[in-house]
Structures are given as structure tokens and as C-alpha cells.
Amino acid sequence: MIQNTTTPPPNPYYPQLDELIAKIKKSVGTEEHSLLVEHLETAHAYLRGAMPEECAVNLDLARQEALGLSDEPLQRETNDLIERLQKSLPVSSAKKH
């Protein structure tokens, strides 16, 4: 029996998520919003590992933490990317908002 060994194409949100994490670390400091960064990095890892339900949970947690960002444009950018990521996840794992 031949197994399908093709891998799915990389998620188009990987680079955007990497850029956002770097931007948050640079603009507000790692300690100030370490939980936000941690939730985004964990969501990223789950996204790469094809674990959409776990990714969705961490995106929800990141959304909550993003409310504490004092930089409003960065907060909007963070929430926008989280929303796009959640919509890209399989329906069974994406929360209905």
C-alpha cells in the first residue's frame, strides 16, 4: 500500500504571525506582554503542527491579552490577524463569534 507523503502547502499566515510577534516584542517589550507573545507563539506552533483546535484556544487567549496593548494600531493589527487566522481554521475548531 502506498501512503500519501505529500505535505500540505505552508500556511500563508506563518510569515504574518512571525512579523506580528517580532513587532510586539520590539514595540512593547517582552515582559510587558509576555503572555500575549506566548499565546501567539503557541498558536503558531499548533498551526504548524496541524492542531487547529489547540491553535484556536491559544488564539482566543491571545485575543484577550491583546486588549491590554496600549498601542491601538498594534492592538487592531493583532486582532485583525487573529480573526483571519481563526477564519482559516477548519470549521469544527473555529469559534463562532
PDB file of N, CA and C in Angstrom:
ATOM      1  N   MET A   1       0.836  -1.171   0.000  1.00  0.00           N
ATOM      2  CA  MET A   1       0.000   0.000   0.000  1.00  0.00           C
ATOM      3  C   MET A   1       0.887   1.243   0.000  1.00  0.00           C
ATOM      4  N   ILE A   2       0.609   2.182  -0.879  1.00  0.00           N
ATOM      5  CA  ILE A   2       1.389   3.408  -0.968  1.00  0.00           C
ATOM      6  C   ILE A   2       0.700   4.487  -0.145  1.00  0.00           C
ATOM      7  N   GLN A   3       1.504   5.131   0.699  1.00  0.00           N
ATOM      8  CA  GLN A   3       0.959   6.201   1.525  1.00  0.00           C
ATOM      9  C   GLN A   3       1.209   7.539   0.858  1.00  0.00           C
ATOM     10  N   ASN A   4       0.307   8.441   1.063  1.00  0.00           N
ATOM     11  CA  ASN A   4       0.459   9.788   0.542  1.00  0.00           C
ATOM     12  C   ASN A   4       1.467  10.525   1.419  1.00  0.00           C
ATOM     13  N   THR A   5       2.589  10.885   0.832  1.00  0.00           N
ATOM     14  CA  THR A   5       3.633  11.546   1.614  1.00  0.00           C
ATOM     15  C   THR A   5       3.766  13.022   1.278  1.00  0.00           C
ATOM     16  N   THR A   6       2.824  13.528   0.506  1.00  0.00           N
ATOM     17  CA  THR A   6       2.902  14.951   0.182  1.00  0.00           C
ATOM     18  C   THR A   6       2.479  15.762   1.398  1.00  0.00           C
ATOM     19  N   THR A   7       3.153  16.863   1.596  1.00  0.00           N
ATOM     20  CA  THR A   7       2.812  17.733   2.707  1.00  0.00           C
ATOM     21  C   THR A   7       1.979  18.889   2.192  1.00  0.00           C
ATOM     22  N   PRO A   8       1.076  19.371   3.029  1.00  0.00           N
ATOM     23  CA  PRO A   8       0.258  20.490   2.580  1.00  0.00           C
ATOM     24  C   PRO A   8       1.119  21.732   2.392  1.00  0.00           C
ATOM     25  N   PRO A   9       0.668  22.657   1.566  1.00  0.00           N
ATOM     26  CA  PRO A   9       1.452  23.881   1.369  1.00  0.00           C
ATOM     27  C   PRO A   9       1.518  24.666   2.674  1.00  0.00           C
ATOM     28  N   PRO A  10       2.574  25.448   2.857  1.00  0.00           N
ATOM     29  CA  PRO A  10       2.687  26.213   4.092  1.00  0.00           C
ATOM     30  C   PRO A  10       1.531  27.196   4.228  1.00  0.00           C
ATOM     31  N   ASN A  11       1.110  27.410   5.431  1.00  0.00           N
ATOM     32  CA  ASN A  11       0.026  28.341   5.699  1.00  0.00           C
ATOM     33  C   ASN A  11       0.487  29.754   5.370  1.00  0.00           C
ATOM     34  N   PRO A  12      -0.318  30.521   4.646  1.00  0.00           N
ATOM     35  CA  PRO A  12       0.096  31.874   4.267  1.00  0.00           C
ATOM     36  C   PRO A  12       0.225  32.821   5.464  1.00  0.00           C
ATOM     37  N   TYR A  13      -0.284  32.414   6.612  1.00  0.00           N
ATOM     38  CA  TYR A  13      -0.219  33.278   7.788  1.00  0.00           C
ATOM     39  C   TYR A  13       1.060  33.104   8.601  1.00  0.00           C
ATOM     40  N   TYR A  14       1.882  32.098   8.289  1.00  0.00           N
ATOM     41  CA  TYR A  14       3.132  31.904   9.040  1.00  0.00           C
ATOM     42  C   TYR A  14       3.980  33.174   9.076  1.00  0.00           C
ATOM     43  N   PRO A  15       4.315  33.758   7.918  1.00  0.00           N
ATOM     44  CA  PRO A  15       5.178  34.944   7.961  1.00  0.00           C
ATOM     45  C   PRO A  15       4.501  36.130   8.647  1.00  0.00           C
ATOM     46  N   GLN A  16       3.198  36.282   8.463  1.00  0.00           N
ATOM     47  CA  GLN A  16       2.496  37.393   9.114  1.00  0.00           C
ATOM     48  C   GLN A  16       2.516  37.241  10.629  1.00  0.00           C
ATOM     49  N   LEU A  17       2.346  36.024  11.090  1.00  0.00           N
ATOM     50  CA  LEU A  17       2.372  35.770  12.529  1.00  0.00           C
ATOM     51  C   LEU A  17       3.774  35.994  13.086  1.00  0.00           C
ATOM     52  N   ASP A  18       4.789  35.544  12.357  1.00  0.00           N
ATOM     53  CA  ASP A  18       6.178  35.796  12.775  1.00  0.00           C
ATOM     54  C   ASP A  18       6.452  37.292  12.887  1.00  0.00           C
ATOM     55  N   GLU A  19       6.004  38.051  11.882  1.00  0.00           N
ATOM     56  CA  GLU A  19       6.224  39.503  11.876  1.00  0.00           C
ATOM     57  C   GLU A  19       5.499  40.185  13.026  1.00  0.00           C
ATOM     58  N   LEU A  20       4.265  39.755  13.289  1.00  0.00           N
ATOM     59  CA  LEU A  20       3.494  40.351  14.375  1.00  0.00           C
ATOM     60  C   LEU A  20       4.154  40.081  15.721  1.00  0.00           C
ATOM     61  N   ILE A  21       4.589  38.858  15.944  1.00  0.00           N
ATOM     62  CA  ILE A  21       5.254  38.511  17.209  1.00  0.00           C
ATOM     63  C   ILE A  21       6.504  39.378  17.393  1.00  0.00           C
ATOM     64  N   ALA A  22       7.299  39.506  16.338  1.00  0.00           N
ATOM     65  CA  ALA A  22       8.510  40.335  16.414  1.00  0.00           C
ATOM     66  C   ALA A  22       8.157  41.795  16.693  1.00  0.00           C
ATOM     67  N   LYS A  23       7.100  42.286  16.057  1.00  0.00           N
ATOM     68  CA  LYS A  23       6.683  43.672  16.244  1.00  0.00           C
ATOM     69  C   LYS A  23       6.237  43.918  17.688  1.00  0.00           C
ATOM     70  N   ILE A  24       5.485  42.983  18.250  1.00  0.00           N
ATOM     71  CA  ILE A  24       5.030  43.125  19.635  1.00  0.00           C
ATOM     72  C   ILE A  24       6.221  43.118  20.581  1.00  0.00           C
ATOM     73  N   LYS A  25       7.149  42.192  20.357  1.00  0.00           N
ATOM     74  CA  LYS A  25       8.341  42.130  21.216  1.00  0.00           C
ATOM     75  C   LYS A  25       9.140  43.425  21.143  1.00  0.00           C
ATOM     76  N   LYS A  26       9.255  43.983  19.954  1.00  0.00           N
ATOM     77  CA  LYS A  26      10.059  45.184  19.772  1.00  0.00           C
ATOM     78  C   LYS A  26       9.367  46.431  20.315  1.00  0.00           C
ATOM     79  N   SER A  27       8.081  46.556  20.082  1.00  0.00           N
ATOM     80  CA  SER A  27       7.406  47.804  20.428  1.00  0.00           C
ATOM     81  C   SER A  27       6.972  47.901  21.880  1.00  0.00           C
ATOM     82  N   VAL A  28       6.617  46.809  22.487  1.00  0.00           N
ATOM     83  CA  VAL A  28       6.124  46.889  23.861  1.00  0.00           C
ATOM     84  C   VAL A  28       6.990  46.129  24.856  1.00  0.00           C
ATOM     85  N   GLY A  29       7.967  45.434  24.401  1.00  0.00           N
ATOM     86  CA  GLY A  29       8.837  44.684  25.306  1.00  0.00           C
ATOM     87  C   GLY A  29       8.261  43.321  25.631  1.00  0.00           C
ATOM     88  N   THR A  30       9.135  42.386  25.815  1.00  0.00           N
ATOM     89  CA  THR A  30       8.730  41.009  26.060  1.00  0.00           C
ATOM     90  C   THR A  30       8.044  40.845  27.407  1.00  0.00           C
ATOM     91  N   GLU A  31       8.551  41.503  28.434  1.00  0.00           N
ATOM     92  CA  GLU A  31       7.999  41.296  29.773  1.00  0.00           C
ATOM     93  C   GLU A  31       6.600  41.882  29.913  1.00  0.00           C
ATOM     94  N   GLU A  32       6.367  43.048  29.293  1.00  0.00           N
ATOM     95  CA  GLU A  32       5.078  43.711  29.447  1.00  0.00           C
ATOM     96  C   GLU A  32       3.920  42.862  28.933  1.00  0.00           C
ATOM     97  N   HIS A  33       4.130  42.184  27.830  1.00  0.00           N
ATOM     98  CA  HIS A  33       3.068  41.368  27.246  1.00  0.00           C
ATOM     99  C   HIS A  33       3.565  39.966  26.930  1.00  0.00           C
ATOM    100  N   SER A  34       4.239  39.371  27.901  1.00  0.00           N
ATOM    101  CA  SER A  34       4.811  38.042  27.678  1.00  0.00           C
ATOM    102  C   SER A  34       3.731  36.987  27.437  1.00  0.00           C
ATOM    103  N   LEU A  35       2.572  37.119  28.088  1.00  0.00           N
ATOM    104  CA  LEU A  35       1.503  36.137  27.848  1.00  0.00           C
ATOM    105  C   LEU A  35       0.956  36.239  26.434  1.00  0.00           C
ATOM    106  N   LEU A  36       0.811  37.448  25.933  1.00  0.00           N
ATOM    107  CA  LEU A  36       0.346  37.632  24.554  1.00  0.00           C
ATOM    108  C   LEU A  36       1.314  36.965  23.585  1.00  0.00           C
ATOM    109  N   VAL A  37       2.590  37.240  23.758  1.00  0.00           N
ATOM    110  CA  VAL A  37       3.613  36.640  22.894  1.00  0.00           C
ATOM    111  C   VAL A  37       3.593  35.126  23.034  1.00  0.00           C
ATOM    112  N   GLU A  38       3.473  34.642  24.254  1.00  0.00           N
ATOM    113  CA  GLU A  38       3.458  33.190  24.483  1.00  0.00           C
ATOM    114  C   GLU A  38       2.260  32.536  23.785  1.00  0.00           C
ATOM    115  N   HIS A  39       1.084  33.142  23.892  1.00  0.00           N
ATOM    116  CA  HIS A  39      -0.102  32.567  23.244  1.00  0.00           C
ATOM    117  C   HIS A  39       0.023  32.599  21.724  1.00  0.00           C
ATOM    118  N   LEU A  40       0.583  33.675  21.180  1.00  0.00           N
ATOM    119  CA  LEU A  40       0.767  33.751  19.724  1.00  0.00           C
ATOM    120  C   LEU A  40       1.804  32.729  19.251  1.00  0.00           C
ATOM    121  N   GLU A  41       2.896  32.581  19.996  1.00  0.00           N
ATOM    122  CA  GLU A  41       3.924  31.604  19.613  1.00  0.00           C
ATOM    123  C   GLU A  41       3.383  30.183  19.712  1.00  0.00           C
ATOM    124  N   THR A  42       2.572  29.918  20.740  1.00  0.00           N
ATOM    125  CA  THR A  42       1.987  28.586  20.895  1.00  0.00           C
ATOM    126  C   THR A  42       0.978  28.312  19.786  1.00  0.00           C
ATOM    127  N   ALA A  43       0.154  29.313  19.458  1.00  0.00           N
ATOM    128  CA  ALA A  43      -0.794  29.154  18.352  1.00  0.00           C
ATOM    129  C   ALA A  43      -0.044  28.866  17.052  1.00  0.00           C
ATOM    130  N   HIS A  44       1.070  29.554  16.860  1.00  0.00           N
ATOM    131  CA  HIS A  44       1.896  29.355  15.665  1.00  0.00           C
ATOM    132  C   HIS A  44       2.392  27.908  15.606  1.00  0.00           C
ATOM    133  N   ALA A  45       2.870  27.402  16.731  1.00  0.00           N
ATOM    134  CA  ALA A  45       3.373  26.023  16.773  1.00  0.00           C
ATOM    135  C   ALA A  45       2.248  25.025  16.482  1.00  0.00           C
ATOM    136  N   TYR A  46       1.082  25.265  17.052  1.00  0.00           N
ATOM    137  CA  TYR A  46      -0.054  24.374  16.802  1.00  0.00           C
ATOM    138  C   TYR A  46      -0.528  24.472  15.351  1.00  0.00           C
ATOM    139  N   LEU A  47      -0.453  25.651  14.787  1.00  0.00           N
ATOM    140  CA  LEU A  47      -0.814  25.828  13.389  1.00  0.00           C
ATOM    141  C   LEU A  47       0.121  25.018  12.500  1.00  0.00           C
ATOM    142  N   ARG A  48       1.412  25.082  12.783  1.00  0.00           N
ATOM    143  CA  ARG A  48       2.401  24.303  12.015  1.00  0.00           C
ATOM    144  C   ARG A  48       2.236  22.802  12.228  1.00  0.00           C
ATOM    145  N   GLY A  49       1.780  22.433  13.417  1.00  0.00           N
ATOM    146  CA  GLY A  49       1.625  21.018  13.751  1.00  0.00           C
ATOM    147  C   GLY A  49       0.276  20.446  13.375  1.00  0.00           C
ATOM    148  N   ALA A  50      -0.510  21.201  12.632  1.00  0.00           N
ATOM    149  CA  ALA A  50      -1.833  20.749  12.186  1.00  0.00           C
ATOM    150  C   ALA A  50      -2.711  20.364  13.372  1.00  0.00           C
ATOM    151  N   MET A  51      -2.724  21.233  14.372  1.00  0.00           N
ATOM    152  CA  MET A  51      -3.554  21.032  15.557  1.00  0.00           C
ATOM    153  C   MET A  51      -4.489  22.239  15.682  1.00  0.00           C
ATOM    154  N   PRO A  52      -5.513  22.308  14.835  1.00  0.00           N
ATOM    155  CA  PRO A  52      -6.343  23.506  14.765  1.00  0.00           C
ATOM    156  C   PRO A  52      -7.124  23.818  16.038  1.00  0.00           C
ATOM    157  N   GLU A  53      -7.579  22.812  16.749  1.00  0.00           N
ATOM    158  CA  GLU A  53      -8.345  23.085  17.961  1.00  0.00           C
ATOM    159  C   GLU A  53      -7.476  23.754  19.021  1.00  0.00           C
ATOM    160  N   GLU A  54      -6.253  23.260  19.185  1.00  0.00           N
ATOM    161  CA  GLU A  54      -5.332  23.849  20.147  1.00  0.00           C
ATOM    162  C   GLU A  54      -4.932  25.253  19.713  1.00  0.00           C
ATOM    163  N   CYS A  55      -4.761  25.425  18.402  1.00  0.00           N
ATOM    164  CA  CYS A  55      -4.435  26.733  17.849  1.00  0.00           C
ATOM    165  C   CYS A  55      -5.554  27.715  18.162  1.00  0.00           C
ATOM    166  N   ALA A  56      -6.804  27.309  17.958  1.00  0.00           N
ATOM    167  CA  ALA A  56      -7.954  28.175  18.203  1.00  0.00           C
ATOM    168  C   ALA A  56      -8.024  28.613  19.657  1.00  0.00           C
ATOM    169  N   VAL A  57      -7.741  27.709  20.577  1.00  0.00           N
ATOM    170  CA  VAL A  57      -7.759  28.054  22.005  1.00  0.00           C
ATOM    171  C   VAL A  57      -6.716  29.132  22.296  1.00  0.00           C
ATOM    172  N   ASN A  58      -5.520  28.961  21.771  1.00  0.00           N
ATOM    173  CA  ASN A  58      -4.462  29.939  22.029  1.00  0.00           C
ATOM    174  C   ASN A  58      -4.728  31.270  21.331  1.00  0.00           C
ATOM    175  N   LEU A  59      -5.381  31.235  20.191  1.00  0.00           N
ATOM    176  CA  LEU A  59      -5.755  32.487  19.537  1.00  0.00           C
ATOM    177  C   LEU A  59      -6.789  33.240  20.372  1.00  0.00           C
ATOM    178  N   ASP A  60      -7.719  32.518  20.970  1.00  0.00           N
ATOM    179  CA  ASP A  60      -8.694  33.167  21.864  1.00  0.00           C
ATOM    180  C   ASP A  60      -7.998  33.794  23.067  1.00  0.00           C
ATOM    181  N   LEU A  61      -7.051  33.074  23.628  1.00  0.00           N
ATOM    182  CA  LEU A  61      -6.298  33.607  24.771  1.00  0.00           C
ATOM    183  C   LEU A  61      -5.478  34.827  24.360  1.00  0.00           C
ATOM    184  N   ALA A  62      -4.894  34.779  23.169  1.00  0.00           N
ATOM    185  CA  ALA A  62      -4.110  35.920  22.673  1.00  0.00           C
ATOM    186  C   ALA A  62      -5.015  37.128  22.449  1.00  0.00           C
ATOM    187  N   ARG A  63      -6.209  36.898  21.946  1.00  0.00           N
ATOM    188  CA  ARG A  63      -7.160  37.998  21.722  1.00  0.00           C
ATOM    189  C   ARG A  63      -7.468  38.700  23.043  1.00  0.00           C
ATOM    190  N   GLN A  64      -7.657  37.922  24.091  1.00  0.00           N
ATOM    191  CA  GLN A  64      -7.928  38.502  25.415  1.00  0.00           C
ATOM    192  C   GLN A  64      -6.742  39.326  25.903  1.00  0.00           C
ATOM    193  N   GLU A  65      -5.546  38.796  25.724  1.00  0.00           N
ATOM    194  CA  GLU A  65      -4.337  39.503  26.160  1.00  0.00           C
ATOM    195  C   GLU A  65      -4.090  40.763  25.340  1.00  0.00           C
ATOM    196  N   ALA A  66      -4.474  40.741  24.070  1.00  0.00           N
ATOM    197  CA  ALA A  66      -4.254  41.892  23.183  1.00  0.00           C
ATOM    198  C   ALA A  66      -5.049  43.113  23.642  1.00  0.00           C
ATOM    199  N   LEU A  67      -6.098  42.894  24.405  1.00  0.00           N
ATOM    200  CA  LEU A  67      -6.880  44.018  24.927  1.00  0.00           C
ATOM    201  C   LEU A  67      -6.030  44.933  25.797  1.00  0.00           C
ATOM    202  N   GLY A  68      -4.948  44.405  26.352  1.00  0.00           N
ATOM    203  CA  GLY A  68      -4.068  45.191  27.212  1.00  0.00           C
ATOM    204  C   GLY A  68      -3.018  45.999  26.469  1.00  0.00           C
ATOM    205  N   LEU A  69      -2.963  45.875  25.154  1.00  0.00           N
ATOM    206  CA  LEU A  69      -1.977  46.651  24.390  1.00  0.00           C
ATOM    207  C   LEU A  69      -2.368  48.127  24.396  1.00  0.00           C
ATOM    208  N   SER A  70      -1.451  48.983  24.803  1.00  0.00           N
ATOM    209  CA  SER A  70      -1.731  50.416  24.815  1.00  0.00           C
ATOM    210  C   SER A  70      -1.574  51.039  23.431  1.00  0.00           C
ATOM    211  N   ASP A  71      -0.832  50.378  22.551  1.00  0.00           N
ATOM    212  CA  ASP A  71      -0.645  50.835  21.175  1.00  0.00           C
ATOM    213  C   ASP A  71      -1.864  50.379  20.370  1.00  0.00           C
ATOM    214  N   GLU A  72      -2.807  51.315  20.148  1.00  0.00           N
ATOM    215  CA  GLU A  72      -4.069  50.944  19.497  1.00  0.00           C
ATOM    216  C   GLU A  72      -3.901  50.391  18.084  1.00  0.00           C
ATOM    217  N   PRO A  73      -3.045  50.974  17.235  1.00  0.00           N
ATOM    218  CA  PRO A  73      -2.859  50.368  15.907  1.00  0.00           C
ATOM    219  C   PRO A  73      -2.311  48.936  15.993  1.00  0.00           C
ATOM    220  N   LEU A  74      -1.416  48.688  16.935  1.00  0.00           N
ATOM    221  CA  LEU A  74      -0.873  47.339  17.110  1.00  0.00           C
ATOM    222  C   LEU A  74      -1.955  46.402  17.633  1.00  0.00           C
ATOM    223  N   GLN A  75      -2.804  46.916  18.513  1.00  0.00           N
ATOM    224  CA  GLN A  75      -3.912  46.104  19.020  1.00  0.00           C
ATOM    225  C   GLN A  75      -4.854  45.717  17.877  1.00  0.00           C
ATOM    226  N   ARG A  76      -5.183  46.674  16.999  1.00  0.00           N
ATOM    227  CA  ARG A  76      -6.052  46.385  15.849  1.00  0.00           C
ATOM    228  C   ARG A  76      -5.396  45.370  14.916  1.00  0.00           C
ATOM    229  N   GLU A  77      -4.112  45.572  14.645  1.00  0.00           N
ATOM    230  CA  GLU A  77      -3.384  44.646  13.763  1.00  0.00           C
ATOM    231  C   GLU A  77      -3.394  43.236  14.344  1.00  0.00           C
ATOM    232  N   THR A  78      -3.171  43.147  15.653  1.00  0.00           N
ATOM    233  CA  THR A  78      -3.166  41.850  16.334  1.00  0.00           C
ATOM    234  C   THR A  78      -4.532  41.190  16.229  1.00  0.00           C
ATOM    235  N   ASN A  79      -5.579  41.945  16.542  1.00  0.00           N
ATOM    236  CA  ASN A  79      -6.931  41.381  16.483  1.00  0.00           C
ATOM    237  C   ASN A  79      -7.333  41.008  15.066  1.00  0.00           C
ATOM    238  N   ASP A  80      -6.939  41.818  14.092  1.00  0.00           N
ATOM    239  CA  ASP A  80      -7.255  41.505  12.690  1.00  0.00           C
ATOM    240  C   ASP A  80      -6.609  40.192  12.250  1.00  0.00           C
ATOM    241  N   LEU A  81      -5.331  40.016  12.598  1.00  0.00           N
ATOM    242  CA  LEU A  81      -4.643  38.787  12.204  1.00  0.00           C
ATOM    243  C   LEU A  81      -5.242  37.584  12.930  1.00  0.00           C
ATOM    244  N   ILE A  82      -5.544  37.745  14.212  1.00  0.00           N
ATOM    245  CA  ILE A  82      -6.161  36.650  14.958  1.00  0.00           C
ATOM    246  C   ILE A  82      -7.482  36.253  14.307  1.00  0.00           C
ATOM    247  N   GLU A  83      -8.273  37.240  13.922  1.00  0.00           N
ATOM    248  CA  GLU A  83      -9.563  36.954  13.282  1.00  0.00           C
ATOM    249  C   GLU A  83      -9.363  36.211  11.957  1.00  0.00           C
ATOM    250  N   ARG A  84      -8.413  36.659  11.144  1.00  0.00           N
ATOM    251  CA  ARG A  84      -8.155  35.977   9.868  1.00  0.00           C
ATOM    252  C   ARG A  84      -7.667  34.552  10.099  1.00  0.00           C
ATOM    253  N   LEU A  85      -6.803  34.380  11.090  1.00  0.00           N
ATOM    254  CA  LEU A  85      -6.314  33.037  11.405  1.00  0.00           C
ATOM    255  C   LEU A  85      -7.463  32.133  11.845  1.00  0.00           C
ATOM    256  N   GLN A  86      -8.314  32.651  12.720  1.00  0.00           N
ATOM    257  CA  GLN A  86      -9.430  31.834  13.205  1.00  0.00           C
ATOM    258  C   GLN A  86     -10.361  31.436  12.059  1.00  0.00           C
ATOM    259  N   LYS A  87     -10.588  32.351  11.130  1.00  0.00           N
ATOM    260  CA  LYS A  87     -11.447  32.033   9.986  1.00  0.00           C
ATOM    261  C   LYS A  87     -10.808  31.007   9.052  1.00  0.00           C
ATOM    262  N   SER A  88      -9.478  30.917   9.063  1.00  0.00           N
ATOM    263  CA  SER A  88      -8.793  29.971   8.183  1.00  0.00           C
ATOM    264  C   SER A  88      -8.747  28.559   8.757  1.00  0.00           C
ATOM    265  N   LEU A  89      -9.065  28.430  10.042  1.00  0.00           N
ATOM    266  CA  LEU A  89      -9.042  27.110  10.677  1.00  0.00           C
ATOM    267  C   LEU A  89     -10.265  26.310  10.254  1.00  0.00           C
ATOM    268  N   PRO A  90     -10.159  24.980  10.311  1.00  0.00           N
ATOM    269  CA  PRO A  90     -11.340  24.157   9.993  1.00  0.00           C
ATOM    270  C   PRO A  90     -12.535  24.567  10.855  1.00  0.00           C
ATOM    271  N   VAL A  91     -13.695  24.512  10.288  1.00  0.00           N
ATOM    272  CA  VAL A  91     -14.926  24.989  10.943  1.00  0.00           C
ATOM    273  C   VAL A  91     -15.131  24.352  12.315  1.00  0.00           C
ATOM    274  N   SER A  92     -14.802  23.092  12.478  1.00  0.00           N
ATOM    275  CA  SER A  92     -15.050  22.410  13.752  1.00  0.00           C
ATOM    276  C   SER A  92     -14.245  23.012  14.888  1.00  0.00           C
ATOM    277  N   SER A  93     -13.114  23.662  14.583  1.00  0.00           N
ATOM    278  CA  SER A  93     -12.280  24.197  15.642  1.00  0.00           C
ATOM    279  C   SER A  93     -12.419  25.698  15.806  1.00  0.00           C
ATOM    280  N   ALA A  94     -12.966  26.371  14.829  1.00  0.00           N
ATOM    281  CA  ALA A  94     -13.109  27.822  14.906  1.00  0.00           C
ATOM    282  C   ALA A  94     -14.322  28.171  15.736  1.00  0.00           C
ATOM    283  N   LYS A  95     -14.164  29.080  16.667  1.00  0.00           N
ATOM    284  CA  LYS A  95     -15.272  29.528  17.480  1.00  0.00           C
ATOM    285  C   LYS A  95     -16.174  30.434  16.685  1.00  0.00           C
ATOM    286  N   LYS A  96     -17.432  30.350  16.940  1.00  0.00           N
ATOM    287  CA  LYS A  96     -18.378  31.273  16.321  1.00  0.00           C
ATOM    288  C   LYS A  96     -18.393  32.549  17.141  1.00  0.00           C
ATOM    289  N   HIS A  97     -18.102  33.688  16.498  1.00  0.00           N
ATOM    290  CA  HIS A  97     -18.078  34.975  17.209  1.00  0.00           C
ATOM    291  C   HIS A  97     -19.282  35.780  16.828  1.00  0.00           C
TER     292      HIS A  97
END
